[in-house]
Amino acid sequence: MKLRIQGNSIRVRLTQTEVNQLGEGVDCISKLDFPNGHRLSYQISVAAELGCTFSDNTITVLLPETEVRGWATSDQVGIKGDLSLENGDKLSILVEKDFKCLTERAEDESDLFPNPKESH
């Protein structure tokens, strides 16, 4: 699971295994450990409606169960939505399937989705 935070937006990319897990109702959880012993955890969970929380150093993105089922078994790339904040701003959420890169990288991409732009 890859996490990108920029301003008031959260973007998460998931592997094939993680998308399948979510489709079965199983949470996807990852963590980032810091040298001083602190940890940031982030997870994607299936819920009744879109949501996002931050508690106990954990970011939890909640995705609607009805959307997750269709997304997990289709070519749909992502699920996105906006949440209103108390100050009048919005938090943008995008959770999407992670595709293999078109150029070679020194990363394990064995569980990523085939890139739709890849020539066969």
PDB file of N, CA and C in Angstrom:
ATOM      1  N   MET A   1       0.851  -1.162   0.000  1.00  0.00           N
ATOM      2  CA  MET A   1       0.000   0.000   0.000  1.00  0.00           C
ATOM      3  C   MET A   1       0.900   1.229   0.000  1.00  0.00           C
ATOM      4  N   LYS A   2       0.605   2.154  -0.894  1.00  0.00           N
ATOM      5  CA  LYS A   2       1.360   3.398  -0.990  1.00  0.00           C
ATOM      6  C   LYS A   2       0.454   4.545  -0.563  1.00  0.00           C
ATOM      7  N   LEU A   3       0.996   5.441   0.250  1.00  0.00           N
ATOM      8  CA  LEU A   3       0.249   6.574   0.773  1.00  0.00           C
ATOM      9  C   LEU A   3       0.875   7.869   0.294  1.00  0.00           C
ATOM     10  N   ARG A   4       0.044   8.775  -0.218  1.00  0.00           N
ATOM     11  CA  ARG A   4       0.523  10.106  -0.581  1.00  0.00           C
ATOM     12  C   ARG A   4      -0.414  11.114   0.062  1.00  0.00           C
ATOM     13  N   ILE A   5       0.183  12.051   0.781  1.00  0.00           N
ATOM     14  CA  ILE A   5      -0.584  13.118   1.420  1.00  0.00           C
ATOM     15  C   ILE A   5      -0.067  14.431   0.866  1.00  0.00           C
ATOM     16  N   GLN A   6      -0.971  15.263   0.397  1.00  0.00           N
ATOM     17  CA  GLN A   6      -0.587  16.579  -0.089  1.00  0.00           C
ATOM     18  C   GLN A   6      -1.720  17.537   0.254  1.00  0.00           C
ATOM     19  N   GLY A   7      -1.424  18.528   1.084  1.00  0.00           N
ATOM     20  CA  GLY A   7      -2.475  19.450   1.505  1.00  0.00           C
ATOM     21  C   GLY A   7      -3.618  18.675   2.127  1.00  0.00           C
ATOM     22  N   ASN A   8      -4.826  18.972   1.709  1.00  0.00           N
ATOM     23  CA  ASN A   8      -6.003  18.269   2.220  1.00  0.00           C
ATOM     24  C   ASN A   8      -6.431  17.149   1.275  1.00  0.00           C
ATOM     25  N   SER A   9      -5.461  16.355   0.837  1.00  0.00           N
ATOM     26  CA  SER A   9      -5.812  15.207   0.008  1.00  0.00           C
ATOM     27  C   SER A   9      -5.004  13.989   0.439  1.00  0.00           C
ATOM     28  N   ILE A  10      -5.675  12.863   0.387  1.00  0.00           N
ATOM     29  CA  ILE A  10      -5.057  11.573   0.688  1.00  0.00           C
ATOM     30  C   ILE A  10      -5.254  10.693  -0.533  1.00  0.00           C
ATOM     31  N   ARG A  11      -4.152  10.105  -1.005  1.00  0.00           N
ATOM     32  CA  ARG A  11      -4.207   9.187  -2.147  1.00  0.00           C
ATOM     33  C   ARG A  11      -3.522   7.900  -1.733  1.00  0.00           C
ATOM     34  N   VAL A  12      -4.195   6.791  -1.937  1.00  0.00           N
ATOM     35  CA  VAL A  12      -3.654   5.488  -1.557  1.00  0.00           C
ATOM     36  C   VAL A  12      -3.722   4.575  -2.778  1.00  0.00           C
ATOM     37  N   ARG A  13      -2.628   3.870  -3.045  1.00  0.00           N
ATOM     38  CA  ARG A  13      -2.582   2.898  -4.135  1.00  0.00           C
ATOM     39  C   ARG A  13      -2.424   1.505  -3.538  1.00  0.00           C
ATOM     40  N   LEU A  14      -3.216   0.571  -4.064  1.00  0.00           N
ATOM     41  CA  LEU A  14      -3.236  -0.788  -3.518  1.00  0.00           C
ATOM     42  C   LEU A  14      -2.818  -1.824  -4.551  1.00  0.00           C
ATOM     43  N   THR A  15      -2.164  -2.876  -4.068  1.00  0.00           N
ATOM     44  CA  THR A  15      -1.770  -3.999  -4.910  1.00  0.00           C
ATOM     45  C   THR A  15      -2.994  -4.872  -5.213  1.00  0.00           C
ATOM     46  N   GLN A  16      -2.804  -5.854  -6.083  1.00  0.00           N
ATOM     47  CA  GLN A  16      -3.890  -6.784  -6.405  1.00  0.00           C
ATOM     48  C   GLN A  16      -4.365  -7.529  -5.153  1.00  0.00           C
ATOM     49  N   THR A  17      -3.424  -7.983  -4.344  1.00  0.00           N
ATOM     50  CA  THR A  17      -3.773  -8.714  -3.119  1.00  0.00           C
ATOM     51  C   THR A  17      -4.588  -7.834  -2.180  1.00  0.00           C
ATOM     52  N   GLU A  18      -4.181  -6.574  -2.023  1.00  0.00           N
ATOM     53  CA  GLU A  18      -4.888  -5.662  -1.116  1.00  0.00           C
ATOM     54  C   GLU A  18      -6.295  -5.348  -1.622  1.00  0.00           C
ATOM     55  N   VAL A  19      -6.448  -5.164  -2.930  1.00  0.00           N
ATOM     56  CA  VAL A  19      -7.775  -4.914  -3.494  1.00  0.00           C
ATOM     57  C   VAL A  19      -8.666  -6.139  -3.265  1.00  0.00           C
ATOM     58  N   ASN A  20      -8.129  -7.334  -3.462  1.00  0.00           N
ATOM     59  CA  ASN A  20      -8.898  -8.561  -3.210  1.00  0.00           C
ATOM     60  C   ASN A  20      -9.303  -8.665  -1.741  1.00  0.00           C
ATOM     61  N   GLN A  21      -8.375  -8.323  -0.826  1.00  0.00           N
ATOM     62  CA  GLN A  21      -8.676  -8.329   0.607  1.00  0.00           C
ATOM     63  C   GLN A  21      -9.860  -7.423   0.902  1.00  0.00           C
ATOM     64  N   LEU A  22      -9.790  -6.200   0.407  1.00  0.00           N
ATOM     65  CA  LEU A  22     -10.880  -5.257   0.654  1.00  0.00           C
ATOM     66  C   LEU A  22     -12.192  -5.780   0.089  1.00  0.00           C
ATOM     67  N   GLY A  23     -12.126  -6.383  -1.091  1.00  0.00           N
ATOM     68  CA  GLY A  23     -13.323  -6.958  -1.696  1.00  0.00           C
ATOM     69  C   GLY A  23     -13.953  -8.038  -0.834  1.00  0.00           C
ATOM     70  N   GLU A  24     -13.130  -8.680  -0.006  1.00  0.00           N
ATOM     71  CA  GLU A  24     -13.621  -9.706   0.918  1.00  0.00           C
ATOM     72  C   GLU A  24     -13.932  -9.137   2.299  1.00  0.00           C
ATOM     73  N   GLY A  25     -13.800  -7.810   2.445  1.00  0.00           N
ATOM     74  CA  GLY A  25     -14.112  -7.159   3.714  1.00  0.00           C
ATOM     75  C   GLY A  25     -12.982  -7.151   4.723  1.00  0.00           C
ATOM     76  N   VAL A  26     -11.752  -7.474   4.288  1.00  0.00           N
ATOM     77  CA  VAL A  26     -10.597  -7.514   5.184  1.00  0.00           C
ATOM     78  C   VAL A  26      -9.825  -6.195   5.081  1.00  0.00           C
ATOM     79  N   ASP A  27      -9.539  -5.556   6.214  1.00  0.00           N
ATOM     80  CA  ASP A  27      -8.809  -4.294   6.237  1.00  0.00           C
ATOM     81  C   ASP A  27      -7.406  -4.442   5.673  1.00  0.00           C
ATOM     82  N   CYS A  28      -6.927  -3.395   5.036  1.00  0.00           N
ATOM     83  CA  CYS A  28      -5.528  -3.313   4.593  1.00  0.00           C
ATOM     84  C   CYS A  28      -4.819  -2.358   5.531  1.00  0.00           C
ATOM     85  N   ILE A  29      -3.721  -2.802   6.114  1.00  0.00           N
ATOM     86  CA  ILE A  29      -3.012  -2.012   7.116  1.00  0.00           C
ATOM     87  C   ILE A  29      -1.537  -1.958   6.781  1.00  0.00           C
ATOM     88  N   SER A  30      -0.945  -0.771   6.930  1.00  0.00           N
ATOM     89  CA  SER A  30       0.486  -0.606   6.736  1.00  0.00           C
ATOM     90  C   SER A  30       1.012   0.349   7.793  1.00  0.00           C
ATOM     91  N   LYS A  31       2.333   0.435   7.902  1.00  0.00           N
ATOM     92  CA  LYS A  31       2.918   1.292   8.941  1.00  0.00           C
ATOM     93  C   LYS A  31       4.220   1.896   8.457  1.00  0.00           C
ATOM     94  N   LEU A  32       4.572   2.995   9.101  1.00  0.00           N
ATOM     95  CA  LEU A  32       5.839   3.669   8.854  1.00  0.00           C
ATOM     96  C   LEU A  32       6.488   3.894  10.211  1.00  0.00           C
ATOM     97  N   ASP A  33       7.631   3.256  10.441  1.00  0.00           N
ATOM     98  CA  ASP A  33       8.349   3.403  11.710  1.00  0.00           C
ATOM     99  C   ASP A  33       9.403   4.487  11.596  1.00  0.00           C
ATOM    100  N   PHE A  34       9.545   5.281  12.662  1.00  0.00           N
ATOM    101  CA  PHE A  34      10.521   6.355  12.714  1.00  0.00           C
ATOM    102  C   PHE A  34      11.648   5.992  13.675  1.00  0.00           C
ATOM    103  N   PRO A  35      12.848   6.562  13.484  1.00  0.00           N
ATOM    104  CA  PRO A  35      13.985   6.224  14.334  1.00  0.00           C
ATOM    105  C   PRO A  35      13.761   6.482  15.827  1.00  0.00           C
ATOM    106  N   ASN A  36      12.890   7.427  16.187  1.00  0.00           N
ATOM    107  CA  ASN A  36      12.677   7.724  17.605  1.00  0.00           C
ATOM    108  C   ASN A  36      11.652   6.808  18.265  1.00  0.00           C
ATOM    109  N   GLY A  37      11.264   5.749  17.568  1.00  0.00           N
ATOM    110  CA  GLY A  37      10.329   4.786  18.139  1.00  0.00           C
ATOM    111  C   GLY A  37       8.874   5.081  17.845  1.00  0.00           C
ATOM    112  N   HIS A  38       8.572   6.199  17.190  1.00  0.00           N
ATOM    113  CA  HIS A  38       7.191   6.514  16.844  1.00  0.00           C
ATOM    114  C   HIS A  38       6.782   5.773  15.579  1.00  0.00           C
ATOM    115  N   ARG A  39       5.492   5.614  15.407  1.00  0.00           N
ATOM    116  CA  ARG A  39       4.954   4.889  14.257  1.00  0.00           C
ATOM    117  C   ARG A  39       3.712   5.603  13.742  1.00  0.00           C
ATOM    118  N   LEU A  40       3.617   5.695  12.419  1.00  0.00           N
ATOM    119  CA  LEU A  40       2.406   6.154  11.756  1.00  0.00           C
ATOM    120  C   LEU A  40       1.807   4.941  11.062  1.00  0.00           C
ATOM    121  N   SER A  41       0.579   4.620  11.406  1.00  0.00           N
ATOM    122  CA  SER A  41      -0.123   3.520  10.747  1.00  0.00           C
ATOM    123  C   SER A  41      -1.180   4.107   9.832  1.00  0.00           C
ATOM    124  N   TYR A  42      -1.456   3.398   8.755  1.00  0.00           N
ATOM    125  CA  TYR A  42      -2.535   3.825   7.872  1.00  0.00           C
ATOM    126  C   TYR A  42      -3.248   2.586   7.373  1.00  0.00           C
ATOM    127  N   GLN A  43      -4.561   2.723   7.248  1.00  0.00           N
ATOM    128  CA  GLN A  43      -5.349   1.559   6.860  1.00  0.00           C
ATOM    129  C   GLN A  43      -6.554   1.969   6.039  1.00  0.00           C
ATOM    130  N   ILE A  44      -7.023   1.005   5.258  1.00  0.00           N
ATOM    131  CA  ILE A  44      -8.241   1.146   4.476  1.00  0.00           C
ATOM    132  C   ILE A  44      -9.212   0.104   5.014  1.00  0.00           C
ATOM    133  N   SER A  45     -10.413   0.552   5.339  1.00  0.00           N
ATOM    134  CA  SER A  45     -11.438  -0.345   5.867  1.00  0.00           C
ATOM    135  C   SER A  45     -12.726  -0.167   5.084  1.00  0.00           C
ATOM    136  N   VAL A  46     -13.528  -1.209   5.063  1.00  0.00           N
ATOM    137  CA  VAL A  46     -14.835  -1.165   4.423  1.00  0.00           C
ATOM    138  C   VAL A  46     -15.858  -0.745   5.467  1.00  0.00           C
ATOM    139  N   ALA A  47     -16.739   0.189   5.080  1.00  0.00           N
ATOM    140  CA  ALA A  47     -17.740   0.715   6.012  1.00  0.00           C
ATOM    141  C   ALA A  47     -19.031   1.002   5.252  1.00  0.00           C
ATOM    142  N   ALA A  48     -19.990   1.579   5.933  1.00  0.00           N
ATOM    143  CA  ALA A  48     -21.267   1.912   5.303  1.00  0.00           C
ATOM    144  C   ALA A  48     -21.123   3.095   4.345  1.00  0.00           C
ATOM    145  N   GLU A  49     -20.225   4.034   4.681  1.00  0.00           N
ATOM    146  CA  GLU A  49     -20.064   5.217   3.831  1.00  0.00           C
ATOM    147  C   GLU A  49     -18.628   5.724   3.888  1.00  0.00           C
ATOM    148  N   LEU A  50     -18.307   6.606   2.949  1.00  0.00           N
ATOM    149  CA  LEU A  50     -16.973   7.196   2.868  1.00  0.00           C
ATOM    150  C   LEU A  50     -16.666   7.961   4.154  1.00  0.00           C
ATOM    151  N   GLY A  51     -15.437   7.796   4.641  1.00  0.00           N
ATOM    152  CA  GLY A  51     -15.025   8.508   5.841  1.00  0.00           C
ATOM    153  C   GLY A  51     -13.525   8.477   6.003  1.00  0.00           C
ATOM    154  N   CYS A  52     -13.036   9.224   6.977  1.00  0.00           N
ATOM    155  CA  CYS A  52     -11.608   9.233   7.285  1.00  0.00           C
ATOM    156  C   CYS A  52     -11.430   9.706   8.709  1.00  0.00           C
ATOM    157  N   THR A  53     -10.571   9.005   9.450  1.00  0.00           N
ATOM    158  CA  THR A  53     -10.284   9.395  10.829  1.00  0.00           C
ATOM    159  C   THR A  53      -8.777   9.402  11.055  1.00  0.00           C
ATOM    160  N   PHE A  54      -8.364  10.137  12.076  1.00  0.00           N
ATOM    161  CA  PHE A  54      -6.978  10.096  12.539  1.00  0.00           C
ATOM    162  C   PHE A  54      -7.021   9.996  14.048  1.00  0.00           C
ATOM    163  N   SER A  55      -6.536   8.875  14.584  1.00  0.00           N
ATOM    164  CA  SER A  55      -6.565   8.630  16.019  1.00  0.00           C
ATOM    165  C   SER A  55      -5.424   7.689  16.380  1.00  0.00           C
ATOM    166  N   ASP A  56      -4.776   7.943  17.510  1.00  0.00           N
ATOM    167  CA  ASP A  56      -3.681   7.087  17.984  1.00  0.00           C
ATOM    168  C   ASP A  56      -2.632   6.845  16.902  1.00  0.00           C
ATOM    169  N   ASN A  57      -2.239   7.915  16.198  1.00  0.00           N
ATOM    170  CA  ASN A  57      -1.229   7.860  15.136  1.00  0.00           C
ATOM    171  C   ASN A  57      -1.619   6.954  13.976  1.00  0.00           C
ATOM    172  N   THR A  58      -2.937   6.788  13.768  1.00  0.00           N
ATOM    173  CA  THR A  58      -3.424   5.947  12.677  1.00  0.00           C
ATOM    174  C   THR A  58      -4.410   6.725  11.806  1.00  0.00           C
ATOM    175  N   ILE A  59      -4.118   6.745  10.505  1.00  0.00           N
ATOM    176  CA  ILE A  59      -5.048   7.289   9.528  1.00  0.00           C
ATOM    177  C   ILE A  59      -5.889   6.120   9.032  1.00  0.00           C
ATOM    178  N   THR A  60      -7.210   6.244   9.137  1.00  0.00           N
ATOM    179  CA  THR A  60      -8.110   5.204   8.647  1.00  0.00           C
ATOM    180  C   THR A  60      -9.016   5.798   7.581  1.00  0.00           C
ATOM    181  N   VAL A  61      -8.932   5.261   6.377  1.00  0.00           N
ATOM    182  CA  VAL A  61      -9.824   5.656   5.289  1.00  0.00           C
ATOM    183  C   VAL A  61     -10.919   4.603   5.223  1.00  0.00           C
ATOM    184  N   LEU A  62     -12.164   5.066   5.246  1.00  0.00           N
ATOM    185  CA  LEU A  62     -13.316   4.181   5.192  1.00  0.00           C
ATOM    186  C   LEU A  62     -13.950   4.279   3.811  1.00  0.00           C
ATOM    187  N   LEU A  63     -14.116   3.146   3.161  1.00  0.00           N
ATOM    188  CA  LEU A  63     -14.716   3.100   1.832  1.00  0.00           C
ATOM    189  C   LEU A  63     -16.069   2.413   1.889  1.00  0.00           C
ATOM    190  N   PRO A  64     -17.051   2.924   1.135  1.00  0.00           N
ATOM    191  CA  PRO A  64     -18.383   2.315   1.138  1.00  0.00           C
ATOM    192  C   PRO A  64     -18.361   0.886   0.606  1.00  0.00           C
ATOM    193  N   GLU A  65     -18.949  -0.009   1.355  1.00  0.00           N
ATOM    194  CA  GLU A  65     -18.950  -1.433   0.999  1.00  0.00           C
ATOM    195  C   GLU A  65     -19.522  -1.670  -0.395  1.00  0.00           C
ATOM    196  N   THR A  66     -20.603  -0.986  -0.745  1.00  0.00           N
ATOM    197  CA  THR A  66     -21.226  -1.199  -2.052  1.00  0.00           C
ATOM    198  C   THR A  66     -20.278  -0.823  -3.184  1.00  0.00           C
ATOM    199  N   GLU A  67     -19.492   0.240  -3.016  1.00  0.00           N
ATOM    200  CA  GLU A  67     -18.539   0.642  -4.054  1.00  0.00           C
ATOM    201  C   GLU A  67     -17.338  -0.288  -4.109  1.00  0.00           C
ATOM    202  N   VAL A  68     -16.883  -0.759  -2.959  1.00  0.00           N
ATOM    203  CA  VAL A  68     -15.702  -1.628  -2.905  1.00  0.00           C
ATOM    204  C   VAL A  68     -15.950  -2.931  -3.639  1.00  0.00           C
ATOM    205  N   ARG A  69     -17.112  -3.525  -3.456  1.00  0.00           N
ATOM    206  CA  ARG A  69     -17.412  -4.810  -4.110  1.00  0.00           C
ATOM    207  C   ARG A  69     -17.308  -4.698  -5.631  1.00  0.00           C
ATOM    208  N   GLY A  70     -17.916  -3.668  -6.199  1.00  0.00           N
ATOM    209  CA  GLY A  70     -17.881  -3.485  -7.648  1.00  0.00           C
ATOM    210  C   GLY A  70     -16.493  -3.143  -8.155  1.00  0.00           C
ATOM    211  N   TRP A  71     -15.787  -2.300  -7.415  1.00  0.00           N
ATOM    212  CA  TRP A  71     -14.442  -1.866  -7.784  1.00  0.00           C
ATOM    213  C   TRP A  71     -13.469  -3.037  -7.788  1.00  0.00           C
ATOM    214  N   ALA A  72     -13.541  -3.875  -6.765  1.00  0.00           N
ATOM    215  CA  ALA A  72     -12.585  -4.982  -6.608  1.00  0.00           C
ATOM    216  C   ALA A  72     -12.687  -6.012  -7.722  1.00  0.00           C
ATOM    217  N   THR A  73     -13.832  -6.101  -8.364  1.00  0.00           N
ATOM    218  CA  THR A  73     -14.036  -7.136  -9.383  1.00  0.00           C
ATOM    219  C   THR A  73     -14.222  -6.560 -10.784  1.00  0.00           C
ATOM    220  N   SER A  74     -13.766  -5.318 -10.985  1.00  0.00           N
ATOM    221  CA  SER A  74     -13.942  -4.690 -12.297  1.00  0.00           C
ATOM    222  C   SER A  74     -12.653  -3.996 -12.734  1.00  0.00           C
ATOM    223  N   ASP A  75     -12.720  -3.348 -13.889  1.00  0.00           N
ATOM    224  CA  ASP A  75     -11.590  -2.569 -14.404  1.00  0.00           C
ATOM    225  C   ASP A  75     -11.575  -1.148 -13.855  1.00  0.00           C
ATOM    226  N   GLN A  76     -12.526  -0.819 -13.013  1.00  0.00           N
ATOM    227  CA  GLN A  76     -12.572   0.522 -12.401  1.00  0.00           C
ATOM    228  C   GLN A  76     -11.261   0.774 -11.670  1.00  0.00           C
ATOM    229  N   VAL A  77     -10.651   1.924 -11.898  1.00  0.00           N
ATOM    230  CA  VAL A  77      -9.331   2.221 -11.334  1.00  0.00           C
ATOM    231  C   VAL A  77      -9.407   2.641  -9.872  1.00  0.00           C
ATOM    232  N   GLY A  78     -10.373   3.485  -9.518  1.00  0.00           N
ATOM    233  CA  GLY A  78     -10.363   3.999  -8.157  1.00  0.00           C
ATOM    234  C   GLY A  78     -11.722   4.347  -7.603  1.00  0.00           C
ATOM    235  N   ILE A  79     -11.691   4.680  -6.331  1.00  0.00           N
ATOM    236  CA  ILE A  79     -12.852   5.187  -5.607  1.00  0.00           C
ATOM    237  C   ILE A  79     -12.436   6.528  -5.042  1.00  0.00           C
ATOM    238  N   LYS A  80     -13.236   7.557  -5.294  1.00  0.00           N
ATOM    239  CA  LYS A  80     -12.866   8.874  -4.796  1.00  0.00           C
ATOM    240  C   LYS A  80     -14.069   9.584  -4.216  1.00  0.00           C
ATOM    241  N   GLY A  81     -13.761  10.551  -3.384  1.00  0.00           N
ATOM    242  CA  GLY A  81     -14.822  11.349  -2.785  1.00  0.00           C
ATOM    243  C   GLY A  81     -14.237  12.458  -1.952  1.00  0.00           C
ATOM    244  N   ASP A  82     -15.088  13.354  -1.530  1.00  0.00           N
ATOM    245  CA  ASP A  82     -14.685  14.481  -0.702  1.00  0.00           C
ATOM    246  C   ASP A  82     -15.471  14.456   0.597  1.00  0.00           C
ATOM    247  N   LEU A  83     -14.805  14.862   1.667  1.00  0.00           N
ATOM    248  CA  LEU A  83     -15.453  14.990   2.967  1.00  0.00           C
ATOM    249  C   LEU A  83     -15.368  16.441   3.405  1.00  0.00           C
ATOM    250  N   SER A  84     -16.482  16.980   3.916  1.00  0.00           N
ATOM    251  CA  SER A  84     -16.495  18.351   4.417  1.00  0.00           C
ATOM    252  C   SER A  84     -15.808  18.419   5.767  1.00  0.00           C
ATOM    253  N   LEU A  85     -14.998  19.467   5.944  1.00  0.00           N
ATOM    254  CA  LEU A  85     -14.310  19.689   7.207  1.00  0.00           C
ATOM    255  C   LEU A  85     -15.027  20.786   7.993  1.00  0.00           C
ATOM    256  N   GLU A  86     -14.820  20.812   9.292  1.00  0.00           N
ATOM    257  CA  GLU A  86     -15.487  21.777  10.158  1.00  0.00           C
ATOM    258  C   GLU A  86     -15.171  23.224   9.789  1.00  0.00           C
ATOM    259  N   ASN A  87     -13.990  23.471   9.195  1.00  0.00           N
ATOM    260  CA  ASN A  87     -13.597  24.841   8.856  1.00  0.00           C
ATOM    261  C   ASN A  87     -14.105  25.276   7.484  1.00  0.00           C
ATOM    262  N   GLY A  88     -14.921  24.432   6.837  1.00  0.00           N
ATOM    263  CA  GLY A  88     -15.466  24.770   5.536  1.00  0.00           C
ATOM    264  C   GLY A  88     -14.670  24.217   4.368  1.00  0.00           C
ATOM    265  N   ASP A  89     -13.456  23.756   4.613  1.00  0.00           N
ATOM    266  CA  ASP A  89     -12.645  23.134   3.567  1.00  0.00           C
ATOM    267  C   ASP A  89     -13.134  21.716   3.320  1.00  0.00           C
ATOM    268  N   LYS A  90     -12.437  21.015   2.451  1.00  0.00           N
ATOM    269  CA  LYS A  90     -12.779  19.622   2.188  1.00  0.00           C
ATOM    270  C   LYS A  90     -11.522  18.763   2.225  1.00  0.00           C
ATOM    271  N   LEU A  91     -11.701  17.504   2.535  1.00  0.00           N
ATOM    272  CA  LEU A  91     -10.651  16.496   2.479  1.00  0.00           C
ATOM    273  C   LEU A  91     -10.962  15.615   1.285  1.00  0.00           C
ATOM    274  N   SER A  92     -10.042  15.573   0.303  1.00  0.00           N
ATOM    275  CA  SER A  92     -10.227  14.741  -0.886  1.00  0.00           C
ATOM    276  C   SER A  92      -9.563  13.392  -0.664  1.00  0.00           C
ATOM    277  N   ILE A  93     -10.286  12.335  -1.015  1.00  0.00           N
ATOM    278  CA  ILE A  93      -9.793  10.967  -0.842  1.00  0.00           C
ATOM    279  C   ILE A  93      -9.826  10.262  -2.195  1.00  0.00           C
ATOM    280  N   LEU A  94      -8.723   9.586  -2.510  1.00  0.00           N
ATOM    281  CA  LEU A  94      -8.652   8.771  -3.716  1.00  0.00           C
ATOM    282  C   LEU A  94      -7.931   7.473  -3.361  1.00  0.00           C
ATOM    283  N   VAL A  95      -8.609   6.352  -3.558  1.00  0.00           N
ATOM    284  CA  VAL A  95      -8.011   5.032  -3.355  1.00  0.00           C
ATOM    285  C   VAL A  95      -8.065   4.353  -4.715  1.00  0.00           C
ATOM    286  N   GLU A  96      -6.899   3.909  -5.197  1.00  0.00           N
ATOM    287  CA  GLU A  96      -6.861   3.343  -6.540  1.00  0.00           C
ATOM    288  C   GLU A  96      -5.961   2.125  -6.633  1.00  0.00           C
ATOM    289  N   LYS A  97      -6.159   1.393  -7.707  1.00  0.00           N
ATOM    290  CA  LYS A  97      -5.337   0.233  -7.991  1.00  0.00           C
ATOM    291  C   LYS A  97      -3.963   0.727  -8.444  1.00  0.00           C
ATOM    292  N   ASP A  98      -2.919   0.047  -7.996  1.00  0.00           N
ATOM    293  CA  ASP A  98      -1.546   0.428  -8.341  1.00  0.00           C
ATOM    294  C   ASP A  98      -1.097  -0.359  -9.566  1.00  0.00           C
ATOM    295  N   PHE A  99      -0.704   0.371 -10.620  1.00  0.00           N
ATOM    296  CA  PHE A  99      -0.287  -0.255 -11.866  1.00  0.00           C
ATOM    297  C   PHE A  99       1.225  -0.361 -11.961  1.00  0.00           C
ATOM    298  N   LYS A 100       1.674  -1.353 -12.699  1.00  0.00           N
ATOM    299  CA  LYS A 100       3.103  -1.499 -12.974  1.00  0.00           C
ATOM    300  C   LYS A 100       3.575  -0.283 -13.756  1.00  0.00           C
ATOM    301  N   CYS A 101       4.806   0.128 -13.505  1.00  0.00           N
ATOM    302  CA  CYS A 101       5.395   1.256 -14.225  1.00  0.00           C
ATOM    303  C   CYS A 101       5.767   0.820 -15.640  1.00  0.00           C
ATOM    304  N   LEU A 102       5.782   1.777 -16.542  1.00  0.00           N
ATOM    305  CA  LEU A 102       6.140   1.472 -17.932  1.00  0.00           C
ATOM    306  C   LEU A 102       7.643   1.432 -18.138  1.00  0.00           C
ATOM    307  N   THR A 103       8.403   1.981 -17.182  1.00  0.00           N
ATOM    308  CA  THR A 103       9.866   1.922 -17.243  1.00  0.00           C
ATOM    309  C   THR A 103      10.372   1.093 -16.078  1.00  0.00           C
ATOM    310  N   GLU A 104      11.515   0.473 -16.269  1.00  0.00           N
ATOM    311  CA  GLU A 104      12.096  -0.386 -15.232  1.00  0.00           C
ATOM    312  C   GLU A 104      12.425   0.421 -13.978  1.00  0.00           C
ATOM    313  N   ARG A 105      12.102  -0.162 -12.828  1.00  0.00           N
ATOM    314  CA  ARG A 105      12.435   0.429 -11.528  1.00  0.00           C
ATOM    315  C   ARG A 105      13.011  -0.667 -10.649  1.00  0.00           C
ATOM    316  N   ALA A 106      13.693  -0.255  -9.635  1.00  0.00           N
ATOM    317  CA  ALA A 106      14.275  -1.222  -8.703  1.00  0.00           C
ATOM    318  C   ALA A 106      13.279  -1.531  -7.581  1.00  0.00           C
ATOM    319  N   GLU A 107      12.035  -1.804  -7.964  1.00  0.00           N
ATOM    320  CA  GLU A 107      10.987  -2.131  -7.004  1.00  0.00           C
ATOM    321  C   GLU A 107      10.327  -3.447  -7.406  1.00  0.00           C
ATOM    322  N   ASP A 108       9.810  -4.151  -6.419  1.00  0.00           N
ATOM    323  CA  ASP A 108       9.056  -5.375  -6.698  1.00  0.00           C
ATOM    324  C   ASP A 108       7.652  -4.977  -7.145  1.00  0.00           C
ATOM    325  N   GLU A 109       7.339  -5.225  -8.394  1.00  0.00           N
ATOM    326  CA  GLU A 109       6.031  -4.889  -8.937  1.00  0.00           C
ATOM    327  C   GLU A 109       5.216  -6.135  -9.271  1.00  0.00           C
ATOM    328  N   SER A 110       5.606  -7.277  -8.717  1.00  0.00           N
ATOM    329  CA  SER A 110       4.976  -8.550  -9.063  1.00  0.00           C
ATOM    330  C   SER A 110       3.493  -8.624  -8.684  1.00  0.00           C
ATOM    331  N   ASP A 111       3.047  -7.834  -7.692  1.00  0.00           N
ATOM    332  CA  ASP A 111       1.650  -7.890  -7.250  1.00  0.00           C
ATOM    333  C   ASP A 111       0.862  -6.664  -7.713  1.00  0.00           C
ATOM    334  N   LEU A 112       1.448  -5.865  -8.614  1.00  0.00           N
ATOM    335  CA  LEU A 112       0.746  -4.697  -9.118  1.00  0.00           C
ATOM    336  C   LEU A 112      -0.113  -5.078 -10.312  1.00  0.00           C
ATOM    337  N   PHE A 113      -1.074  -4.253 -10.619  1.00  0.00           N
ATOM    338  CA  PHE A 113      -1.963  -4.495 -11.744  1.00  0.00           C
ATOM    339  C   PHE A 113      -1.227  -4.235 -13.057  1.00  0.00           C
ATOM    340  N   PRO A 114      -1.554  -4.984 -14.108  1.00  0.00           N
ATOM    341  CA  PRO A 114      -0.940  -4.699 -15.404  1.00  0.00           C
ATOM    342  C   PRO A 114      -1.288  -3.278 -15.843  1.00  0.00           C
ATOM    343  N   ASN A 115      -0.328  -2.577 -16.387  1.00  0.00           N
ATOM    344  CA  ASN A 115      -0.554  -1.209 -16.827  1.00  0.00           C
ATOM    345  C   ASN A 115      -1.391  -1.223 -18.110  1.00  0.00           C
ATOM    346  N   PRO A 116      -2.523  -0.508 -18.127  1.00  0.00           N
ATOM    347  CA  PRO A 116      -3.366  -0.516 -19.321  1.00  0.00           C
ATOM    348  C   PRO A 116      -2.675   0.106 -20.551  1.00  0.00           C
ATOM    349  N   LYS A 117      -1.625   0.876 -20.343  1.00  0.00           N
ATOM    350  CA  LYS A 117      -0.907   1.507 -21.448  1.00  0.00           C
ATOM    351  C   LYS A 117       0.229   0.631 -21.968  1.00  0.00           C
ATOM    352  N   GLU A 118       0.427  -0.529 -21.326  1.00  0.00           N
ATOM    353  CA  GLU A 118       1.503  -1.440 -21.711  1.00  0.00           C
ATOM    354  C   GLU A 118       1.168  -2.112 -23.039  1.00  0.00           C
ATOM    355  N   SER A 119       2.120  -2.110 -23.980  1.00  0.00           N
ATOM    356  CA  SER A 119       1.894  -2.782 -25.255  1.00  0.00           C
ATOM    357  C   SER A 119       2.082  -4.288 -25.072  1.00  0.00           C
ATOM    358  N   HIS A 120       1.290  -5.046 -25.752  1.00  0.00           N
ATOM    359  CA  HIS A 120       1.326  -6.504 -25.589  1.00  0.00           C
ATOM    360  C   HIS A 120       2.093  -7.159 -26.694  1.00  0.00           C
TER     361      HIS A 120
END
